[in-house]
Amino acid sequence: MRSVQMTVLLAMTVIVAGCAVPPKFDGPGSFQDFANVRYQCIQETSARTSSGSANQYGAYTTSAVMPSCSAFQACLASKGYYAQPNGKFDSASIPVKCSR
């Protein structure tokens, strides 16, 4: 039973924590243009995600509105921004939490 609880907890952590969006991008324009496109993509790709579990001690649920990682990346790519290890736009100061 304990291993099932740990598996559920790990799965929920992955879902809630989302995935890491690469911190550096290349693309057209200035950093301000990139930040505006990023904001637009967050707005366009956000949806409610929920998860929960129950055991003999009670129940736990969580719900949040966040973008899908793949949809967010696709939106950025459609606007000319691609993740690059040495990209000119460092997005570490404007992080995005996304869901799988």
C-alpha atoms as a PDB file:
ATOM      1  CA  MET A   1       0.000   0.000   0.000  1.00  0.00           C
ATOM      2  CA  ARG A   2       2.849   2.391   0.826  1.00  0.00           C
ATOM      3  CA  SER A   3       4.422   2.006  -2.633  1.00  0.00           C
ATOM      4  CA  VAL A   4       1.065   2.826  -4.252  1.00  0.00           C
ATOM      5  CA  GLN A   5       0.828   5.990  -2.147  1.00  0.00           C
ATOM      6  CA  MET A   6       4.362   7.003  -3.127  1.00  0.00           C
ATOM      7  CA  THR A   7       3.612   6.374  -6.805  1.00  0.00           C
ATOM      8  CA  VAL A   8       0.465   8.501  -6.638  1.00  0.00           C
ATOM      9  CA  LEU A   9       2.342  11.252  -4.783  1.00  0.00           C
ATOM     10  CA  LEU A  10       5.142  11.212  -7.364  1.00  0.00           C
ATOM     11  CA  ALA A  11       2.668  11.336 -10.255  1.00  0.00           C
ATOM     12  CA  MET A  12       0.812  14.250  -8.673  1.00  0.00           C
ATOM     13  CA  THR A  13       4.066  16.115  -8.075  1.00  0.00           C
ATOM     14  CA  VAL A  14       4.994  15.760 -11.732  1.00  0.00           C
ATOM     15  CA  ILE A  15       1.543  16.921 -12.851  1.00  0.00           C
ATOM     16  CA  VAL A  16       1.392  19.860 -10.453  1.00  0.00           C
ATOM     17  CA  ALA A  17       5.010  20.914 -10.910  1.00  0.00           C
ATOM     18  CA  GLY A  18       4.665  20.728 -14.658  1.00  0.00           C
ATOM     19  CA  CYS A  19       7.656  20.577 -16.874  1.00  0.00           C
ATOM     20  CA  ALA A  20      10.657  22.801 -17.190  1.00  0.00           C
ATOM     21  CA  VAL A  21      10.376  25.288 -20.010  1.00  0.00           C
ATOM     22  CA  PRO A  22      13.821  25.893 -21.513  1.00  0.00           C
ATOM     23  CA  PRO A  23      15.237  29.173 -20.205  1.00  0.00           C
ATOM     24  CA  LYS A  24      16.867  30.465 -23.410  1.00  0.00           C
ATOM     25  CA  PHE A  25      15.256  31.233 -26.740  1.00  0.00           C
ATOM     26  CA  ASP A  26      16.170  32.731 -30.099  1.00  0.00           C
ATOM     27  CA  GLY A  27      13.809  34.659 -32.287  1.00  0.00           C
ATOM     28  CA  PRO A  28      12.917  38.014 -33.797  1.00  0.00           C
ATOM     29  CA  GLY A  29      12.761  41.383 -32.060  1.00  0.00           C
ATOM     30  CA  SER A  30      13.746  42.565 -28.611  1.00  0.00           C
ATOM     31  CA  PHE A  31      13.389  40.965 -25.190  1.00  0.00           C
ATOM     32  CA  GLN A  32      10.216  43.026 -24.713  1.00  0.00           C
ATOM     33  CA  ASP A  33       8.767  41.513 -27.915  1.00  0.00           C
ATOM     34  CA  PHE A  34       9.682  38.046 -26.648  1.00  0.00           C
ATOM     35  CA  ALA A  35       8.077  38.720 -23.240  1.00  0.00           C
ATOM     36  CA  ASN A  36       4.886  39.958 -24.925  1.00  0.00           C
ATOM     37  CA  VAL A  37       4.686  36.869 -27.165  1.00  0.00           C
ATOM     38  CA  ARG A  38       5.312  34.650 -24.145  1.00  0.00           C
ATOM     39  CA  TYR A  39       2.441  36.314 -22.304  1.00  0.00           C
ATOM     40  CA  GLN A  40       0.163  35.923 -25.331  1.00  0.00           C
ATOM     41  CA  CYS A  41       1.057  32.222 -25.575  1.00  0.00           C
ATOM     42  CA  ILE A  42       0.308  31.704 -21.882  1.00  0.00           C
ATOM     43  CA  GLN A  43      -3.109  33.286 -22.397  1.00  0.00           C
ATOM     44  CA  GLU A  44      -3.831  31.261 -25.552  1.00  0.00           C
ATOM     45  CA  THR A  45      -2.773  27.857 -24.214  1.00  0.00           C
ATOM     46  CA  SER A  46      -3.949  27.958 -20.569  1.00  0.00           C
ATOM     47  CA  ALA A  47      -6.558  25.512 -19.320  1.00  0.00           C
ATOM     48  CA  ARG A  48      -7.664  24.204 -15.928  1.00  0.00           C
ATOM     49  CA  THR A  49      -5.805  21.117 -14.726  1.00  0.00           C
ATOM     50  CA  SER A  50      -6.893  19.133 -11.686  1.00  0.00           C
ATOM     51  CA  SER A  51      -5.669  16.122  -9.785  1.00  0.00           C
ATOM     52  CA  GLY A  52      -6.411  14.386  -6.532  1.00  0.00           C
ATOM     53  CA  SER A  53      -6.003  11.313  -4.404  1.00  0.00           C
ATOM     54  CA  ALA A  54      -7.529   9.692  -1.357  1.00  0.00           C
ATOM     55  CA  ASN A  55      -6.288   7.244   1.227  1.00  0.00           C
ATOM     56  CA  GLN A  56      -7.175   6.132   4.750  1.00  0.00           C
ATOM     57  CA  TYR A  57      -6.011   9.507   6.137  1.00  0.00           C
ATOM     58  CA  GLY A  58      -8.145  11.707   3.910  1.00  0.00           C
ATOM     59  CA  ALA A  59      -8.229  13.226   0.470  1.00  0.00           C
ATOM     60  CA  TYR A  60      -6.153  15.765  -1.421  1.00  0.00           C
ATOM     61  CA  THR A  61      -7.108  17.715  -4.512  1.00  0.00           C
ATOM     62  CA  THR A  62      -5.479  20.483  -6.482  1.00  0.00           C
ATOM     63  CA  SER A  63      -6.586  22.583  -9.375  1.00  0.00           C
ATOM     64  CA  ALA A  64      -4.769  25.277 -11.335  1.00  0.00           C
ATOM     65  CA  VAL A  65      -4.984  27.165 -14.594  1.00  0.00           C
ATOM     66  CA  MET A  66      -1.774  26.744 -16.574  1.00  0.00           C
ATOM     67  CA  PRO A  67      -0.648  26.221 -20.155  1.00  0.00           C
ATOM     68  CA  SER A  68       0.096  22.831 -21.646  1.00  0.00           C
ATOM     69  CA  CYS A  69       3.893  22.510 -22.101  1.00  0.00           C
ATOM     70  CA  SER A  70       3.638  21.239 -25.669  1.00  0.00           C
ATOM     71  CA  ALA A  71       0.986  23.787 -26.704  1.00  0.00           C
ATOM     72  CA  PHE A  72       3.018  26.614 -25.139  1.00  0.00           C
ATOM     73  CA  GLN A  73       6.184  25.526 -26.987  1.00  0.00           C
ATOM     74  CA  ALA A  74       4.212  25.209 -30.249  1.00  0.00           C
ATOM     75  CA  CYS A  75       2.731  28.682 -29.770  1.00  0.00           C
ATOM     76  CA  LEU A  76       6.178  30.205 -29.248  1.00  0.00           C
ATOM     77  CA  ALA A  77       7.503  28.361 -32.319  1.00  0.00           C
ATOM     78  CA  SER A  78       4.586  29.597 -34.427  1.00  0.00           C
ATOM     79  CA  LYS A  79       5.624  33.137 -33.547  1.00  0.00           C
ATOM     80  CA  GLY A  80       9.305  32.521 -34.408  1.00  0.00           C
ATOM     81  CA  TYR A  81      10.803  31.717 -30.981  1.00  0.00           C
ATOM     82  CA  TYR A  82      12.754  28.480 -30.495  1.00  0.00           C
ATOM     83  CA  ALA A  83      14.535  27.049 -27.455  1.00  0.00           C
ATOM     84  CA  GLN A  84      18.296  27.262 -27.934  1.00  0.00           C
ATOM     85  CA  PRO A  85      21.049  26.518 -25.387  1.00  0.00           C
ATOM     86  CA  ASN A  86      22.793  29.799 -26.273  1.00  0.00           C
ATOM     87  CA  GLY A  87      19.702  31.831 -27.193  1.00  0.00           C
ATOM     88  CA  LYS A  88      19.711  35.614 -26.928  1.00  0.00           C
ATOM     89  CA  PHE A  89      16.563  35.745 -24.744  1.00  0.00           C
ATOM     90  CA  ASP A  90      17.022  34.414 -21.211  1.00  0.00           C
ATOM     91  CA  SER A  91      13.575  33.730 -19.762  1.00  0.00           C
ATOM     92  CA  ALA A  92      14.780  32.780 -16.269  1.00  0.00           C
ATOM     93  CA  SER A  93      13.344  36.067 -14.952  1.00  0.00           C
ATOM     94  CA  ILE A  94       9.879  35.276 -16.417  1.00  0.00           C
ATOM     95  CA  PRO A  95       9.315  31.576 -15.600  1.00  0.00           C
ATOM     96  CA  VAL A  96       6.286  29.631 -16.824  1.00  0.00           C
ATOM     97  CA  LYS A  97       4.857  26.634 -14.988  1.00  0.00           C
ATOM     98  CA  CYS A  98       3.119  24.306 -17.408  1.00  0.00           C
ATOM     99  CA  SER A  99       1.385  20.933 -17.397  1.00  0.00           C
ATOM    100  CA  ARG A 100       2.083  17.900 -19.524  1.00  0.00           C
END
